[in-house]
Every structure is written in C-alpha cells, then in structure tokens.
N, C-alpha and C. Protein backbone atom coordinates (compact mmCIF):
# COMPACT_ATOMS: atom_id res chain seq x y z
N MET A 1 0.84 -1.20 0.00
CA MET A 1 0.01 -0.01 0.00
C MET A 1 0.88 1.25 0.00
N THR A 2 0.53 2.23 -0.77
CA THR A 2 1.37 3.45 -0.91
C THR A 2 0.92 4.53 0.07
N LEU A 3 1.76 5.53 0.22
CA LEU A 3 1.44 6.66 1.09
C LEU A 3 0.24 7.46 0.54
N MET A 4 0.12 7.49 -0.80
CA MET A 4 -1.00 8.18 -1.41
C MET A 4 -2.34 7.45 -1.13
N GLU A 5 -2.25 6.13 -1.12
CA GLU A 5 -3.47 5.35 -0.79
C GLU A 5 -3.86 5.57 0.67
N ILE A 6 -2.86 5.70 1.55
CA ILE A 6 -3.12 6.03 2.95
C ILE A 6 -3.78 7.39 3.08
N TYR A 7 -3.29 8.35 2.32
CA TYR A 7 -3.90 9.68 2.31
C TYR A 7 -5.42 9.58 1.94
N ASP A 8 -5.67 8.85 0.90
CA ASP A 8 -7.05 8.71 0.44
C ASP A 8 -7.94 8.08 1.49
N MET A 9 -7.41 7.09 2.18
CA MET A 9 -8.18 6.41 3.24
C MET A 9 -8.46 7.38 4.39
N LEU A 10 -7.45 8.14 4.80
CA LEU A 10 -7.66 9.10 5.85
C LEU A 10 -8.61 10.21 5.48
N PHE A 11 -8.47 10.69 4.22
CA PHE A 11 -9.37 11.75 3.74
C PHE A 11 -10.84 11.24 3.70
N ASN A 12 -11.00 10.02 3.23
CA ASN A 12 -12.36 9.45 3.18
C ASN A 12 -12.96 9.31 4.60
N GLU A 13 -12.08 9.05 5.53
CA GLU A 13 -12.54 8.84 6.92
C GLU A 13 -12.87 10.20 7.60
N TYR A 14 -11.99 11.17 7.45
CA TYR A 14 -12.07 12.39 8.22
C TYR A 14 -12.49 13.63 7.44
N GLY A 15 -12.29 13.63 6.16
CA GLY A 15 -12.62 14.79 5.32
C GLY A 15 -11.64 15.90 5.47
N GLU A 16 -11.94 17.05 4.86
CA GLU A 16 -11.02 18.18 4.88
C GLU A 16 -10.86 18.79 6.27
N GLN A 17 -9.61 19.09 6.64
CA GLN A 17 -9.36 19.53 8.01
C GLN A 17 -9.23 21.08 8.18
N HIS A 18 -9.15 21.79 7.06
CA HIS A 18 -9.09 23.26 7.09
C HIS A 18 -7.94 23.79 7.92
N TRP A 19 -6.75 23.32 7.65
CA TRP A 19 -5.54 23.79 8.36
C TRP A 19 -4.82 24.84 7.50
N TRP A 20 -3.96 25.70 8.04
CA TRP A 20 -3.66 25.91 9.45
C TRP A 20 -4.55 27.07 9.91
N PRO A 21 -5.09 27.07 11.11
CA PRO A 21 -5.91 28.19 11.57
C PRO A 21 -5.08 29.49 11.63
N GLY A 22 -5.66 30.57 11.12
CA GLY A 22 -4.97 31.84 11.14
C GLY A 22 -5.63 32.79 10.14
N ALA A 23 -5.78 34.04 10.57
CA ALA A 23 -6.43 35.05 9.70
C ALA A 23 -5.47 35.62 8.65
N SER A 24 -4.18 35.41 8.80
CA SER A 24 -3.22 35.94 7.84
C SER A 24 -1.95 35.10 7.90
N PRO A 25 -1.11 35.20 6.87
CA PRO A 25 0.16 34.45 6.90
C PRO A 25 0.97 34.80 8.11
N PHE A 26 1.01 36.04 8.52
CA PHE A 26 1.81 36.42 9.70
C PHE A 26 1.24 35.81 10.95
N GLU A 27 -0.06 35.79 11.10
CA GLU A 27 -0.65 35.15 12.26
C GLU A 27 -0.30 33.66 12.32
N ILE A 28 -0.27 33.03 11.17
CA ILE A 28 0.12 31.62 11.11
C ILE A 28 1.55 31.45 11.57
N MET A 29 2.45 32.34 11.14
CA MET A 29 3.84 32.28 11.57
C MET A 29 3.96 32.38 13.11
N VAL A 30 3.27 33.34 13.64
CA VAL A 30 3.27 33.52 15.10
C VAL A 30 2.74 32.28 15.80
N GLY A 31 1.67 31.75 15.28
CA GLY A 31 1.06 30.57 15.86
C GLY A 31 1.98 29.38 15.84
N ALA A 32 2.76 29.23 14.75
CA ALA A 32 3.71 28.14 14.63
C ALA A 32 4.75 28.19 15.71
N ILE A 33 5.15 29.37 16.08
CA ILE A 33 6.16 29.53 17.16
C ILE A 33 5.54 29.31 18.51
N LEU A 34 4.36 29.85 18.72
CA LEU A 34 3.71 29.74 20.04
C LEU A 34 3.18 28.33 20.34
N THR A 35 2.96 27.53 19.30
CA THR A 35 2.39 26.20 19.55
C THR A 35 3.43 25.19 19.97
N GLN A 36 4.70 25.59 20.00
CA GLN A 36 5.74 24.64 20.45
C GLN A 36 5.45 24.19 21.89
N ASN A 37 5.36 22.88 22.08
CA ASN A 37 5.17 22.30 23.43
C ASN A 37 3.91 22.75 24.15
N THR A 38 2.86 23.01 23.38
CA THR A 38 1.59 23.35 24.03
C THR A 38 0.43 23.01 23.09
N GLY A 39 -0.79 23.06 23.64
CA GLY A 39 -1.99 22.79 22.85
C GLY A 39 -2.51 24.03 22.16
N TRP A 40 -3.26 23.81 21.04
CA TRP A 40 -3.69 24.93 20.23
C TRP A 40 -4.66 25.86 20.97
N ARG A 41 -5.44 25.38 21.88
CA ARG A 41 -6.37 26.25 22.59
C ARG A 41 -5.58 27.34 23.37
N ASN A 42 -4.48 26.97 23.97
CA ASN A 42 -3.64 27.93 24.66
C ASN A 42 -3.05 28.97 23.73
N VAL A 43 -2.68 28.52 22.53
CA VAL A 43 -2.13 29.41 21.53
C VAL A 43 -3.21 30.41 21.09
N GLU A 44 -4.41 29.94 20.91
CA GLU A 44 -5.52 30.81 20.51
C GLU A 44 -5.71 31.94 21.49
N LYS A 45 -5.62 31.61 22.78
CA LYS A 45 -5.76 32.66 23.82
C LYS A 45 -4.67 33.70 23.71
N ALA A 46 -3.47 33.24 23.47
CA ALA A 46 -2.31 34.18 23.33
C ALA A 46 -2.48 35.05 22.08
N ILE A 47 -2.87 34.44 20.97
CA ILE A 47 -3.05 35.20 19.74
C ILE A 47 -4.16 36.23 19.90
N LEU A 48 -5.22 35.87 20.59
CA LEU A 48 -6.31 36.84 20.88
C LEU A 48 -5.76 38.03 21.65
N ASN A 49 -4.83 37.79 22.57
CA ASN A 49 -4.24 38.87 23.35
C ASN A 49 -3.40 39.86 22.51
N ILE A 50 -2.82 39.35 21.40
CA ILE A 50 -1.93 40.19 20.61
C ILE A 50 -2.59 40.61 19.27
N LYS A 51 -3.88 40.45 19.16
CA LYS A 51 -4.60 40.73 17.89
C LYS A 51 -4.35 42.14 17.45
N ASP A 52 -4.27 43.08 18.36
CA ASP A 52 -4.06 44.50 17.99
C ASP A 52 -2.65 44.81 17.52
N TYR A 53 -1.77 43.83 17.63
CA TYR A 53 -0.33 44.06 17.28
C TYR A 53 0.16 43.12 16.19
N LEU A 54 -0.71 42.53 15.44
CA LEU A 54 -0.33 41.47 14.54
C LEU A 54 0.24 41.96 13.19
N THR A 55 1.29 42.76 13.31
CA THR A 55 2.17 43.00 12.18
C THR A 55 3.60 42.84 12.71
N PRO A 56 4.55 42.51 11.91
CA PRO A 56 5.91 42.31 12.42
C PRO A 56 6.43 43.51 13.23
N ARG A 57 6.27 44.70 12.70
CA ARG A 57 6.85 45.86 13.38
C ARG A 57 6.11 46.23 14.69
N LYS A 58 4.80 46.12 14.67
CA LYS A 58 4.03 46.41 15.87
C LYS A 58 4.38 45.45 16.98
N LEU A 59 4.48 44.18 16.64
CA LEU A 59 4.73 43.15 17.66
C LEU A 59 6.16 43.29 18.19
N TYR A 60 7.07 43.59 17.30
CA TYR A 60 8.50 43.73 17.71
C TYR A 60 8.69 45.00 18.57
N SER A 61 7.87 46.01 18.33
CA SER A 61 7.98 47.26 19.08
C SER A 61 7.48 47.19 20.53
N LEU A 62 6.73 46.10 20.79
CA LEU A 62 6.23 45.92 22.17
C LEU A 62 7.40 45.69 23.13
N PRO A 63 7.38 46.33 24.31
CA PRO A 63 8.37 46.01 25.35
C PRO A 63 8.36 44.51 25.60
N GLU A 64 9.52 43.96 25.83
CA GLU A 64 9.65 42.52 26.02
C GLU A 64 8.77 42.01 27.17
N ASN A 65 8.71 42.77 28.25
CA ASN A 65 7.89 42.30 29.40
C ASN A 65 6.42 42.34 29.06
N ARG A 66 6.01 43.28 28.20
CA ARG A 66 4.59 43.36 27.81
C ARG A 66 4.25 42.19 26.88
N LEU A 67 5.13 41.88 25.92
CA LEU A 67 4.91 40.74 25.05
C LEU A 67 4.83 39.44 25.84
N ARG A 68 5.71 39.34 26.81
CA ARG A 68 5.73 38.16 27.67
C ARG A 68 4.38 37.93 28.35
N GLU A 69 3.82 38.99 28.86
CA GLU A 69 2.51 38.84 29.53
C GLU A 69 1.39 38.49 28.59
N LEU A 70 1.44 39.08 27.38
CA LEU A 70 0.36 38.84 26.41
C LEU A 70 0.38 37.41 25.90
N ILE A 71 1.58 36.79 25.77
CA ILE A 71 1.62 35.42 25.26
C ILE A 71 1.68 34.38 26.40
N ARG A 72 1.53 34.81 27.60
CA ARG A 72 1.61 33.90 28.77
C ARG A 72 0.74 32.66 28.61
N PRO A 73 -0.52 32.78 28.06
CA PRO A 73 -1.37 31.59 27.96
C PRO A 73 -0.76 30.44 27.16
N SER A 74 0.22 30.75 26.29
CA SER A 74 0.80 29.72 25.43
C SER A 74 1.83 28.84 26.16
N GLY A 75 2.15 29.20 27.42
CA GLY A 75 3.09 28.43 28.18
C GLY A 75 4.54 28.65 27.74
N PHE A 76 5.49 28.36 28.64
CA PHE A 76 6.91 28.59 28.35
C PHE A 76 7.11 29.98 27.77
N PHE A 77 6.42 30.96 28.35
CA PHE A 77 6.34 32.30 27.75
C PHE A 77 7.65 33.05 27.76
N ASN A 78 8.52 32.75 28.73
CA ASN A 78 9.84 33.42 28.75
C ASN A 78 10.66 33.01 27.52
N VAL A 79 10.69 31.72 27.27
CA VAL A 79 11.43 31.19 26.13
C VAL A 79 10.78 31.64 24.82
N LYS A 80 9.48 31.54 24.75
CA LYS A 80 8.78 31.86 23.53
C LYS A 80 8.83 33.39 23.20
N THR A 81 8.94 34.20 24.22
CA THR A 81 9.12 35.64 23.96
C THR A 81 10.43 35.87 23.24
N LYS A 82 11.47 35.23 23.67
CA LYS A 82 12.78 35.40 23.06
C LYS A 82 12.79 34.83 21.61
N ARG A 83 12.17 33.66 21.47
CA ARG A 83 12.12 33.05 20.12
C ARG A 83 11.30 33.87 19.17
N LEU A 84 10.17 34.40 19.66
CA LEU A 84 9.33 35.21 18.79
C LEU A 84 10.06 36.51 18.42
N ARG A 85 10.71 37.14 19.33
CA ARG A 85 11.41 38.37 19.06
C ARG A 85 12.57 38.11 18.10
N SER A 86 13.28 36.99 18.24
CA SER A 86 14.36 36.63 17.31
C SER A 86 13.81 36.46 15.91
N PHE A 87 12.66 35.83 15.79
CA PHE A 87 12.06 35.63 14.48
C PHE A 87 11.60 36.97 13.90
N LEU A 88 11.00 37.81 14.72
CA LEU A 88 10.55 39.11 14.26
C LEU A 88 11.72 40.00 13.75
N LYS A 89 12.78 39.97 14.50
CA LYS A 89 14.00 40.69 14.07
C LYS A 89 14.50 40.19 12.74
N PHE A 90 14.54 38.88 12.60
CA PHE A 90 14.98 38.28 11.36
C PHE A 90 14.07 38.71 10.19
N LEU A 91 12.79 38.68 10.44
CA LEU A 91 11.81 39.07 9.43
C LEU A 91 11.93 40.51 8.99
N ILE A 92 12.20 41.39 9.97
CA ILE A 92 12.35 42.83 9.69
C ILE A 92 13.70 43.08 9.01
N ASP A 93 14.73 42.51 9.58
CA ASP A 93 16.07 42.78 9.01
C ASP A 93 16.32 42.19 7.63
N THR A 94 15.75 41.01 7.42
CA THR A 94 15.99 40.30 6.17
C THR A 94 15.00 40.61 5.08
N TYR A 95 13.75 40.85 5.47
CA TYR A 95 12.70 41.05 4.46
C TYR A 95 11.89 42.31 4.66
N ASP A 96 12.44 43.24 5.44
CA ASP A 96 11.80 44.51 5.71
C ASP A 96 10.41 44.31 6.32
N GLY A 97 10.22 43.17 7.00
CA GLY A 97 8.93 42.90 7.64
C GLY A 97 7.83 42.60 6.67
N GLU A 98 8.18 42.32 5.44
CA GLU A 98 7.17 42.13 4.36
C GLU A 98 7.06 40.65 4.00
N ILE A 99 5.91 40.10 4.23
CA ILE A 99 5.68 38.66 3.89
C ILE A 99 5.77 38.47 2.37
N LYS A 100 5.29 39.43 1.61
CA LYS A 100 5.30 39.27 0.12
C LYS A 100 6.73 39.18 -0.41
N ILE A 101 7.64 39.90 0.22
CA ILE A 101 9.06 39.83 -0.18
C ILE A 101 9.63 38.45 0.20
N MET A 102 9.26 38.01 1.39
CA MET A 102 9.70 36.69 1.84
C MET A 102 9.26 35.58 0.89
N LYS A 103 8.00 35.66 0.43
CA LYS A 103 7.45 34.60 -0.41
C LYS A 103 8.17 34.50 -1.75
N ARG A 104 8.82 35.55 -2.17
CA ARG A 104 9.50 35.53 -3.46
C ARG A 104 10.74 34.66 -3.49
N GLN A 105 11.30 34.43 -2.28
CA GLN A 105 12.53 33.63 -2.22
C GLN A 105 12.24 32.18 -2.40
N SER A 106 13.24 31.45 -2.83
CA SER A 106 13.09 30.01 -3.01
C SER A 106 12.90 29.29 -1.68
N LEU A 107 12.28 28.14 -1.79
CA LEU A 107 12.10 27.32 -0.60
C LEU A 107 13.42 27.02 0.09
N GLU A 108 14.42 26.64 -0.68
CA GLU A 108 15.72 26.26 -0.13
C GLU A 108 16.37 27.43 0.60
N THR A 109 16.32 28.63 0.04
CA THR A 109 16.94 29.80 0.66
C THR A 109 16.21 30.18 1.93
N LEU A 110 14.88 30.20 1.88
CA LEU A 110 14.08 30.52 3.03
C LEU A 110 14.34 29.56 4.19
N ARG A 111 14.38 28.28 3.87
CA ARG A 111 14.59 27.28 4.91
C ARG A 111 15.98 27.42 5.57
N GLU A 112 16.94 27.66 4.72
CA GLU A 112 18.32 27.82 5.24
C GLU A 112 18.39 29.06 6.10
N ASN A 113 17.76 30.14 5.74
CA ASN A 113 17.79 31.36 6.52
C ASN A 113 17.05 31.24 7.84
N MET A 114 15.86 30.64 7.79
CA MET A 114 15.05 30.49 8.99
C MET A 114 15.66 29.57 10.03
N LEU A 115 16.30 28.53 9.57
CA LEU A 115 16.92 27.56 10.50
C LEU A 115 18.11 28.19 11.26
N LYS A 116 18.54 29.31 10.81
CA LYS A 116 19.62 30.02 11.55
C LYS A 116 19.08 30.88 12.67
N VAL A 117 17.75 31.08 12.70
CA VAL A 117 17.14 31.91 13.76
C VAL A 117 17.05 31.07 15.03
N LYS A 118 17.54 31.60 16.11
CA LYS A 118 17.51 30.89 17.39
C LYS A 118 16.08 30.51 17.78
N GLY A 119 15.87 29.23 18.06
CA GLY A 119 14.55 28.78 18.52
C GLY A 119 13.66 28.31 17.40
N ILE A 120 14.08 28.42 16.17
CA ILE A 120 13.27 27.95 15.03
C ILE A 120 13.87 26.63 14.56
N GLY A 121 13.21 25.57 14.98
CA GLY A 121 13.69 24.22 14.57
C GLY A 121 13.00 23.79 13.25
N GLU A 122 13.29 22.59 12.85
CA GLU A 122 12.81 22.12 11.54
C GLU A 122 11.28 22.09 11.45
N GLU A 123 10.63 21.56 12.47
CA GLU A 123 9.14 21.47 12.39
C GLU A 123 8.52 22.87 12.34
N THR A 124 8.96 23.79 13.18
CA THR A 124 8.44 25.14 13.13
C THR A 124 8.72 25.83 11.82
N CYS A 125 9.92 25.69 11.37
CA CYS A 125 10.37 26.27 10.09
C CYS A 125 9.50 25.77 8.95
N ASP A 126 9.32 24.44 8.87
CA ASP A 126 8.55 23.88 7.77
C ASP A 126 7.07 24.19 7.87
N SER A 127 6.54 24.34 9.08
CA SER A 127 5.15 24.75 9.26
C SER A 127 4.95 26.15 8.69
N ILE A 128 5.88 27.03 8.95
CA ILE A 128 5.83 28.40 8.42
C ILE A 128 5.91 28.37 6.91
N LEU A 129 6.84 27.56 6.38
CA LEU A 129 7.01 27.50 4.94
C LEU A 129 5.76 26.97 4.26
N LEU A 130 5.19 25.92 4.78
CA LEU A 130 4.03 25.28 4.17
C LEU A 130 2.75 26.10 4.33
N TYR A 131 2.45 26.40 5.58
CA TYR A 131 1.15 26.98 5.90
C TYR A 131 1.06 28.48 5.72
N ALA A 132 2.14 29.18 5.94
CA ALA A 132 2.09 30.64 5.80
C ALA A 132 2.59 31.12 4.46
N LEU A 133 3.57 30.40 3.87
CA LEU A 133 4.21 30.84 2.63
C LEU A 133 3.89 29.96 1.43
N ASN A 134 3.08 28.92 1.64
CA ASN A 134 2.65 28.03 0.55
C ASN A 134 3.81 27.45 -0.24
N LYS A 135 4.81 27.02 0.51
CA LYS A 135 5.95 26.35 -0.12
C LYS A 135 5.80 24.84 0.03
N PRO A 136 6.10 24.07 -1.01
CA PRO A 136 5.88 22.63 -0.95
C PRO A 136 6.86 21.84 -0.16
N ILE A 137 6.68 21.76 1.15
CA ILE A 137 7.56 20.98 2.01
C ILE A 137 6.68 20.24 3.02
N PHE A 138 7.03 19.00 3.31
CA PHE A 138 6.24 18.16 4.18
C PHE A 138 6.66 18.39 5.64
N VAL A 139 5.70 18.66 6.50
CA VAL A 139 5.98 18.92 7.89
C VAL A 139 5.95 17.57 8.67
N VAL A 140 6.98 17.35 9.45
CA VAL A 140 7.08 16.12 10.26
C VAL A 140 6.88 16.50 11.73
N ASP A 141 6.01 15.79 12.40
CA ASP A 141 5.87 16.04 13.84
C ASP A 141 5.83 14.72 14.57
N ALA A 142 5.53 14.75 15.86
CA ALA A 142 5.54 13.56 16.70
C ALA A 142 4.49 12.54 16.24
N TYR A 143 3.38 13.04 15.78
CA TYR A 143 2.33 12.11 15.28
C TYR A 143 2.83 11.34 14.05
N THR A 144 3.49 12.05 13.15
CA THR A 144 4.03 11.42 11.94
C THR A 144 5.00 10.29 12.33
N ARG A 145 5.89 10.63 13.21
CA ARG A 145 6.90 9.64 13.64
C ARG A 145 6.21 8.43 14.30
N ARG A 146 5.29 8.71 15.18
CA ARG A 146 4.62 7.64 15.96
C ARG A 146 3.86 6.70 15.03
N ILE A 147 2.97 7.28 14.21
CA ILE A 147 2.07 6.49 13.39
C ILE A 147 2.86 5.66 12.38
N PHE A 148 3.72 6.26 11.66
CA PHE A 148 4.36 5.55 10.52
C PHE A 148 5.52 4.66 10.99
N SER A 149 6.13 4.93 12.16
CA SER A 149 7.10 3.98 12.66
C SER A 149 6.41 2.72 13.16
N ARG A 150 5.21 2.87 13.69
CA ARG A 150 4.47 1.72 14.15
C ARG A 150 4.09 0.81 12.98
N HIS A 151 3.94 1.43 11.80
CA HIS A 151 3.62 0.68 10.61
C HIS A 151 4.88 0.31 9.81
N LYS A 152 6.06 0.50 10.45
CA LYS A 152 7.35 0.05 9.91
C LYS A 152 7.74 0.77 8.61
N VAL A 153 7.26 1.98 8.40
CA VAL A 153 7.66 2.77 7.25
C VAL A 153 9.10 3.24 7.43
N PHE A 154 9.44 3.54 8.69
CA PHE A 154 10.80 3.95 9.04
C PHE A 154 10.96 3.65 10.56
N SER A 155 12.18 3.73 11.03
CA SER A 155 12.49 3.44 12.43
C SER A 155 11.97 4.61 13.32
N ILE A 156 11.66 4.30 14.54
CA ILE A 156 11.30 5.33 15.49
C ILE A 156 12.42 6.33 15.70
N ASP A 157 13.66 5.87 15.43
CA ASP A 157 14.86 6.72 15.61
C ASP A 157 15.25 7.42 14.33
N ALA A 158 14.47 7.33 13.27
CA ALA A 158 14.82 8.01 12.04
C ALA A 158 14.91 9.52 12.26
N THR A 159 15.77 10.17 11.52
CA THR A 159 15.93 11.65 11.65
C THR A 159 14.76 12.34 10.99
N TYR A 160 14.63 13.61 11.33
CA TYR A 160 13.59 14.45 10.70
C TYR A 160 13.75 14.42 9.20
N LYS A 161 15.01 14.60 8.72
CA LYS A 161 15.27 14.63 7.28
C LYS A 161 14.92 13.32 6.61
N GLU A 162 15.22 12.21 7.28
CA GLU A 162 14.91 10.88 6.70
C GLU A 162 13.40 10.67 6.58
N ILE A 163 12.65 11.06 7.63
CA ILE A 163 11.20 10.90 7.59
C ILE A 163 10.59 11.79 6.48
N GLN A 164 11.02 13.05 6.48
CA GLN A 164 10.54 14.00 5.46
C GLN A 164 10.83 13.47 4.07
N GLY A 165 12.01 12.89 3.89
CA GLY A 165 12.39 12.39 2.57
C GLY A 165 11.51 11.24 2.10
N VAL A 166 11.03 10.38 3.04
CA VAL A 166 10.16 9.31 2.69
C VAL A 166 8.86 9.84 2.07
N PHE A 167 8.31 10.88 2.72
CA PHE A 167 7.05 11.45 2.20
C PHE A 167 7.25 12.22 0.88
N MET A 168 8.29 13.01 0.87
CA MET A 168 8.48 13.86 -0.29
C MET A 168 8.96 13.08 -1.56
N SER A 169 9.50 11.90 -1.34
CA SER A 169 9.92 11.07 -2.47
C SER A 169 8.80 10.16 -2.94
N ASN A 170 7.76 10.06 -2.14
CA ASN A 170 6.64 9.14 -2.49
C ASN A 170 5.34 9.85 -2.78
N LEU A 171 5.33 11.19 -2.69
CA LEU A 171 4.18 12.00 -2.98
C LEU A 171 4.48 13.06 -4.00
N GLU A 172 3.47 13.49 -4.69
CA GLU A 172 3.67 14.67 -5.60
C GLU A 172 4.08 15.88 -4.80
N ARG A 173 4.85 16.75 -5.40
CA ARG A 173 5.30 17.97 -4.75
C ARG A 173 4.16 19.01 -4.83
N ASP A 174 3.26 18.96 -3.87
CA ASP A 174 2.03 19.74 -3.94
C ASP A 174 1.71 20.34 -2.58
N VAL A 175 1.55 21.63 -2.50
CA VAL A 175 1.26 22.34 -1.24
C VAL A 175 -0.02 21.85 -0.60
N SER A 176 -1.09 21.77 -1.38
CA SER A 176 -2.40 21.38 -0.84
C SER A 176 -2.33 19.96 -0.27
N LEU A 177 -1.68 19.07 -0.99
CA LEU A 177 -1.59 17.70 -0.55
C LEU A 177 -0.76 17.62 0.77
N TYR A 178 0.36 18.25 0.80
CA TYR A 178 1.17 18.25 2.05
C TYR A 178 0.42 18.85 3.19
N ASN A 179 -0.31 19.91 2.97
CA ASN A 179 -1.11 20.57 3.98
C ASN A 179 -2.15 19.62 4.59
N GLU A 180 -2.94 19.05 3.70
CA GLU A 180 -4.03 18.18 4.13
C GLU A 180 -3.54 16.90 4.79
N TYR A 181 -2.48 16.32 4.20
CA TYR A 181 -1.91 15.06 4.74
C TYR A 181 -1.46 15.26 6.15
N HIS A 182 -0.69 16.33 6.41
CA HIS A 182 -0.22 16.57 7.77
C HIS A 182 -1.38 16.73 8.73
N ALA A 183 -2.39 17.47 8.33
CA ALA A 183 -3.56 17.71 9.19
C ALA A 183 -4.29 16.36 9.51
N LEU A 184 -4.41 15.51 8.51
CA LEU A 184 -5.06 14.20 8.71
C LEU A 184 -4.22 13.31 9.63
N ILE A 185 -2.92 13.41 9.54
CA ILE A 185 -2.04 12.63 10.41
C ILE A 185 -2.25 13.09 11.86
N VAL A 186 -2.32 14.38 12.07
CA VAL A 186 -2.58 14.92 13.42
C VAL A 186 -3.93 14.45 13.96
N ARG A 187 -4.91 14.47 13.12
CA ARG A 187 -6.24 14.01 13.51
C ARG A 187 -6.21 12.52 13.95
N LEU A 188 -5.56 11.68 13.15
CA LEU A 188 -5.46 10.27 13.50
C LEU A 188 -4.66 10.07 14.80
N GLY A 189 -3.58 10.83 14.92
CA GLY A 189 -2.73 10.67 16.11
C GLY A 189 -3.44 11.09 17.40
N LYS A 190 -4.26 12.13 17.29
CA LYS A 190 -4.99 12.60 18.48
C LYS A 190 -6.13 11.68 18.88
N GLU A 191 -6.81 11.13 17.84
CA GLU A 191 -8.00 10.32 18.10
C GLU A 191 -7.76 8.87 18.33
N ARG A 192 -6.71 8.31 17.65
CA ARG A 192 -6.53 6.86 17.70
C ARG A 192 -5.09 6.41 18.02
N CYS A 193 -4.12 6.90 17.28
CA CYS A 193 -2.76 6.41 17.44
C CYS A 193 -2.02 7.17 18.51
N LYS A 194 -2.46 7.01 19.76
CA LYS A 194 -1.96 7.74 20.88
C LYS A 194 -0.70 7.06 21.42
N ARG A 195 0.00 7.80 22.31
CA ARG A 195 1.19 7.23 22.92
C ARG A 195 0.81 5.96 23.74
N LYS A 196 -0.27 6.07 24.43
CA LYS A 196 -0.80 4.96 25.23
C LYS A 196 -2.30 4.82 24.90
N ASN A 197 -2.86 3.68 25.29
CA ASN A 197 -4.31 3.44 25.07
C ASN A 197 -4.68 3.61 23.62
N LEU A 198 -3.99 2.91 22.74
CA LEU A 198 -4.22 2.95 21.34
C LEU A 198 -5.64 2.45 20.99
N LEU A 199 -6.29 3.07 20.05
CA LEU A 199 -7.62 2.63 19.63
C LEU A 199 -7.49 2.07 18.18
N CYS A 200 -6.89 0.90 18.08
CA CYS A 200 -6.60 0.32 16.76
C CYS A 200 -7.85 -0.24 16.09
N GLU A 201 -8.77 -0.76 16.88
CA GLU A 201 -9.96 -1.39 16.30
C GLU A 201 -10.80 -0.27 15.61
N GLY A 202 -10.99 -0.45 14.31
CA GLY A 202 -11.75 0.54 13.55
C GLY A 202 -10.89 1.62 12.93
N CYS A 203 -9.58 1.56 13.17
CA CYS A 203 -8.67 2.57 12.57
C CYS A 203 -8.66 2.40 11.06
N PRO A 204 -8.78 3.50 10.29
CA PRO A 204 -8.87 3.40 8.87
C PRO A 204 -7.59 2.82 8.21
N ILE A 205 -6.47 2.90 8.90
CA ILE A 205 -5.24 2.34 8.30
C ILE A 205 -4.65 1.22 9.15
N LYS A 206 -5.51 0.53 9.89
CA LYS A 206 -5.07 -0.55 10.76
C LYS A 206 -4.21 -1.56 10.04
N ASN A 207 -4.57 -1.96 8.85
CA ASN A 207 -3.87 -3.02 8.11
C ASN A 207 -2.87 -2.49 7.09
N PHE A 208 -2.47 -1.26 7.25
CA PHE A 208 -1.51 -0.62 6.29
C PHE A 208 -0.16 -1.33 6.35
N VAL A 209 0.29 -1.75 5.21
CA VAL A 209 1.67 -2.25 5.06
C VAL A 209 2.30 -1.46 3.91
N PHE A 210 3.37 -0.77 4.18
CA PHE A 210 4.00 0.14 3.19
C PHE A 210 4.63 -0.66 2.07
N SER A 211 4.38 -0.22 0.84
CA SER A 211 5.04 -0.87 -0.31
C SER A 211 5.37 0.15 -1.34
C-alpha cells in the first residue's frame, strides 16, 4: 500500500481539516512559534491577546515584558518571547517585515535562513514554509513519527530529514496535498494512534503495510 493510498483512506474517513488556523500568513507564523510544546487552545488565547499588534513591526515594538505577559497563555512564555522576538527581528532585518518579499525567495533559501534563527527548529520552520508561505515541503511532527514507525515505514529513531524524505519522495510535490496530509495525520494521532491506550480497532489504516 502506498502513502497516497493512505492519504485517500484518511481523507475518506475524516474529510477536509481546514488547516492551518490563522487570519493571515503572519498570524500563522506567530502561531507556529507559540504552539511549540503546548495545545492549540492555549495558543488561540495568546493570539487573541496580541490581535491589535499582529504586524511584524508592531509586535516587535512591544516592550519585552509586555509581550511576555500577552503570550503567557501559550506556556513557556519566557522562552517563547525570546524566540518570537528573534524571528521578528529576522523578518524585519532580512525582508523589511514584508511577507510578500519573503514569499519571493526560493524554498531552499528561506529554509536555510530561517533555521539560523535561534529557537526555530525544523518542524516550526517547515510549518511556516508550508502553511504561511505556501511552499511545498512536508511537515514532520511527533504524530508522523509515531504512526508511521508503528507501521514500519521507518524506524522510531529516524531523523527528521529521513522521515521527510520518505514522504516527499513518495508523494507529488504539492502544497495542498502536504497541507491536508499533515492535518489528517494529526487527527489520526490525536483520536486513535496515541502514545498509550491505542484505539486500533476501527482505525482506517489498521492493516496498512507500506510498499
């Protein structure tokens, strides 16, 4: 069974997931940073607090202690304040705070540049690239690793790059497909393929064997 067949099975089971939540590309970028190590409901509360400042320059101009308080609901707010400010500085210094300028750059250049920003790891970087900038790159998260290592597609110890390579070499290079596939994986991971108390009976890909 191929990864595309798995996608079809998940889509038939769950339907369109409407990811990533966000009113603008910049809001999606902020959300990708704030969602590190926390649930989305907490991120929503933090984003609601900063709604009046959701441009790169406005948010960066906030005093650090004020920003820290506004994003407190997202958890780890001291660390996330520094990470967010580092990203905002990068965005302003490199692209004049303009998302449209950022989008003109190639995927490879953007990824290389963003991974140099302190606190921006591969998952956050790729989430920004895919969901905010519509660049064709597959996002790998803990759900992806858990589900597909259990089905022996790769080892639980496989690197981010190795896992990403499996998907990108077996799927068409398509933003919409990568977007929806990642969202469906998250849905399956949350509802069935949990760390403990797995709900395998009735799982749409229970009998999946990669070929």
